[in-house]
Amino acid sequence: MSKAFVSETAPSAAPPERMVEEGANPVTPEGMAQIDAHIARIETALRTEANPLLRETLARDLRYWTVRKASAEIVPPAGDGVIGFGAAVTVRRKGRTQTFRIVGVDEADPGKGLINFRAPLAQAVLGARAGDIVEADEPLGEIEIRDVR
């Protein structure tokens, strides 16, 4: 049999550690609540889980969320009409209107309109105000800022 089809890791190998970014972890108040909920859920699961492999995975995830909480900095929305972290923004670009909120890395869920503050679209509009036209590199193109909340 070809070596390509042979497993290189033991079935009982611990799961790889989750990557944690260094530095500050800006979060919205809702993002902090999500982190707290992840920690509580995992701690509850660890109290009852008997499977050693699942326990290792839960322990790894608990380490990740504990580090993320320790580095979390709650950033309230500025509320001064300038697009910043936590702002809800409505833009028009490429013939369509889009509304999203700029949030932390762990909170991002594009399907729910929550985009990571490091995403190209968020980076393009940070610092703009309603009525501004932002010229961004393709594929973003021209972005008209319609509303900031």
Protein backbone atom coordinates (compact mmCIF):
# COMPACT_ATOMS: atom_id res chain seq x y z
CA MET A 1 0.00 0.00 0.00
CA SER A 2 1.17 3.52 -0.75
CA LYS A 3 2.49 5.57 2.19
CA ALA A 4 0.07 8.31 1.11
CA PHE A 5 -2.76 6.36 2.71
CA VAL A 6 -1.07 5.62 6.04
CA SER A 7 -1.94 7.79 9.01
CA GLU A 8 1.07 9.65 10.39
CA THR A 9 -0.56 10.41 13.75
CA ALA A 10 -1.80 8.06 16.38
CA PRO A 11 -5.57 7.94 16.77
CA SER A 12 -5.14 9.07 20.37
CA ALA A 13 -2.92 12.08 19.56
CA ALA A 14 -3.87 15.30 21.30
CA PRO A 15 -5.54 17.89 19.10
CA PRO A 16 -3.27 20.67 17.83
CA GLU A 17 -3.35 23.91 19.80
CA ARG A 18 -5.52 26.71 18.45
CA MET A 19 -3.57 29.70 17.18
CA VAL A 20 -3.86 32.77 19.37
CA GLU A 21 -2.94 36.19 18.05
CA GLU A 22 -0.55 38.19 20.16
CA GLY A 23 -1.44 41.61 21.49
CA ALA A 24 -4.70 43.27 22.34
CA ASN A 25 -7.99 41.56 21.53
CA PRO A 26 -10.57 44.31 20.97
CA VAL A 27 -14.13 43.10 21.53
CA THR A 28 -17.57 44.64 21.75
CA PRO A 29 -19.52 44.12 24.98
CA GLU A 30 -21.42 41.36 23.14
CA GLY A 31 -18.12 39.78 22.13
CA MET A 32 -17.01 39.62 25.76
CA ALA A 33 -20.31 37.95 26.66
CA GLN A 34 -19.68 35.39 23.90
CA ILE A 35 -16.22 34.62 25.28
CA ASP A 36 -17.68 34.18 28.78
CA ALA A 37 -20.36 31.87 27.36
CA HIS A 38 -17.77 29.73 25.56
CA ILE A 39 -15.77 29.35 28.78
CA ALA A 40 -18.84 28.46 30.85
CA ARG A 41 -20.05 25.93 28.25
CA ILE A 42 -16.66 24.23 28.06
CA GLU A 43 -16.19 24.13 31.84
CA THR A 44 -19.63 22.52 32.18
CA ALA A 45 -18.82 19.95 29.49
CA LEU A 46 -15.47 19.11 31.13
CA ARG A 47 -17.21 18.22 34.40
CA THR A 48 -19.21 15.44 32.73
CA GLU A 49 -17.17 14.31 29.71
CA ALA A 50 -15.56 10.87 30.18
CA ASN A 51 -14.01 10.39 26.72
CA PRO A 52 -10.29 11.25 27.03
CA LEU A 53 -9.99 12.55 23.46
CA LEU A 54 -13.00 14.81 23.83
CA ARG A 55 -11.67 16.02 27.19
CA GLU A 56 -8.36 16.95 25.52
CA THR A 57 -10.21 18.89 22.83
CA LEU A 58 -12.34 20.67 25.43
CA ALA A 59 -9.25 21.48 27.51
CA ARG A 60 -7.51 22.88 24.41
CA ASP A 61 -10.55 25.03 23.60
CA LEU A 62 -10.74 26.22 27.21
CA ARG A 63 -7.08 27.30 27.03
CA TYR A 64 -7.83 29.24 23.83
CA TRP A 65 -10.87 31.08 25.23
CA THR A 66 -9.11 31.78 28.55
CA VAL A 67 -6.24 33.47 26.70
CA ARG A 68 -8.69 35.38 24.48
CA LYS A 69 -10.52 36.62 27.59
CA ALA A 70 -7.29 37.65 29.31
CA SER A 71 -6.29 39.74 26.29
CA ALA A 72 -9.80 41.12 25.60
CA GLU A 73 -10.33 44.86 25.73
CA ILE A 74 -13.93 46.02 25.52
CA VAL A 75 -14.16 48.87 23.04
CA PRO A 76 -17.48 50.73 23.12
CA PRO A 77 -18.68 52.26 19.85
CA ALA A 78 -17.49 55.86 19.45
CA GLY A 79 -20.97 57.15 18.59
CA ASP A 80 -19.61 60.38 17.09
CA GLY A 81 -20.61 59.62 13.51
CA VAL A 82 -17.14 58.39 12.58
CA ILE A 83 -16.83 54.74 11.58
CA GLY A 84 -14.84 52.92 14.21
CA PHE A 85 -14.75 49.62 16.05
CA GLY A 86 -18.27 48.50 16.98
CA ALA A 87 -20.02 50.79 14.49
CA ALA A 88 -22.96 49.61 12.42
CA VAL A 89 -22.46 50.85 8.87
CA THR A 90 -24.61 50.94 5.74
CA VAL A 91 -22.72 51.32 2.48
CA ARG A 92 -23.52 51.21 -1.21
CA ARG A 93 -21.00 49.67 -3.54
CA LYS A 94 -21.14 47.95 -6.89
CA GLY A 95 -24.88 48.61 -7.18
CA ARG A 96 -25.95 47.07 -3.91
CA THR A 97 -26.55 48.25 -0.36
CA GLN A 98 -24.90 46.39 2.49
CA THR A 99 -25.18 46.84 6.27
CA PHE A 100 -22.62 45.40 8.65
CA ARG A 101 -21.10 45.92 12.08
CA ILE A 102 -17.35 46.08 12.67
CA VAL A 103 -16.42 43.67 15.48
CA GLY A 104 -13.55 41.67 16.97
CA VAL A 105 -11.86 38.65 15.42
CA ASP A 106 -13.75 36.02 17.45
CA GLU A 107 -17.14 37.75 17.00
CA ALA A 108 -17.02 37.97 13.21
CA ASP A 109 -19.83 36.22 11.36
CA PRO A 110 -20.23 37.69 7.86
CA GLY A 111 -23.50 35.79 7.34
CA LYS A 112 -24.94 37.79 10.25
CA GLY A 113 -23.44 41.09 9.09
CA LEU A 114 -20.58 41.03 11.62
CA ILE A 115 -17.19 41.66 10.01
CA ASN A 116 -13.74 41.48 11.55
CA PHE A 117 -12.14 44.90 12.05
CA ARG A 118 -9.14 43.61 10.08
CA ALA A 119 -11.25 42.68 7.03
CA PRO A 120 -10.47 44.75 3.90
CA LEU A 121 -13.97 46.29 3.83
CA ALA A 122 -13.73 47.34 7.48
CA GLN A 123 -10.24 48.74 6.96
CA ALA A 124 -11.42 50.70 3.92
CA VAL A 125 -14.24 52.50 5.77
CA LEU A 126 -12.68 53.07 9.22
CA GLY A 127 -12.57 56.81 9.92
CA ALA A 128 -15.20 57.72 7.30
CA ARG A 129 -18.56 59.39 7.95
CA ALA A 130 -22.03 59.18 6.42
CA GLY A 131 -21.96 60.90 3.03
CA ASP A 132 -18.28 60.11 2.38
CA ILE A 133 -17.16 58.28 -0.75
CA VAL A 134 -14.22 55.95 -0.12
CA GLU A 135 -12.03 54.86 -3.03
CA ALA A 136 -10.72 51.39 -2.20
CA ASP A 137 -8.63 48.96 -4.20
CA GLU A 138 -10.47 46.33 -6.21
CA PRO A 139 -12.36 44.19 -5.60
CA LEU A 140 -13.99 46.70 -3.22
CA GLY A 141 -13.99 49.73 -5.52
CA GLU A 142 -15.94 52.88 -4.71
CA ILE A 143 -17.82 52.74 -1.38
CA GLU A 144 -20.51 55.28 -0.55
CA ILE A 145 -21.10 55.57 3.21
CA ARG A 146 -24.87 55.83 3.70
CA ASP A 147 -25.30 55.54 7.48
CA VAL A 148 -23.20 55.12 10.63
CA ARG A 149 -24.70 54.04 13.97
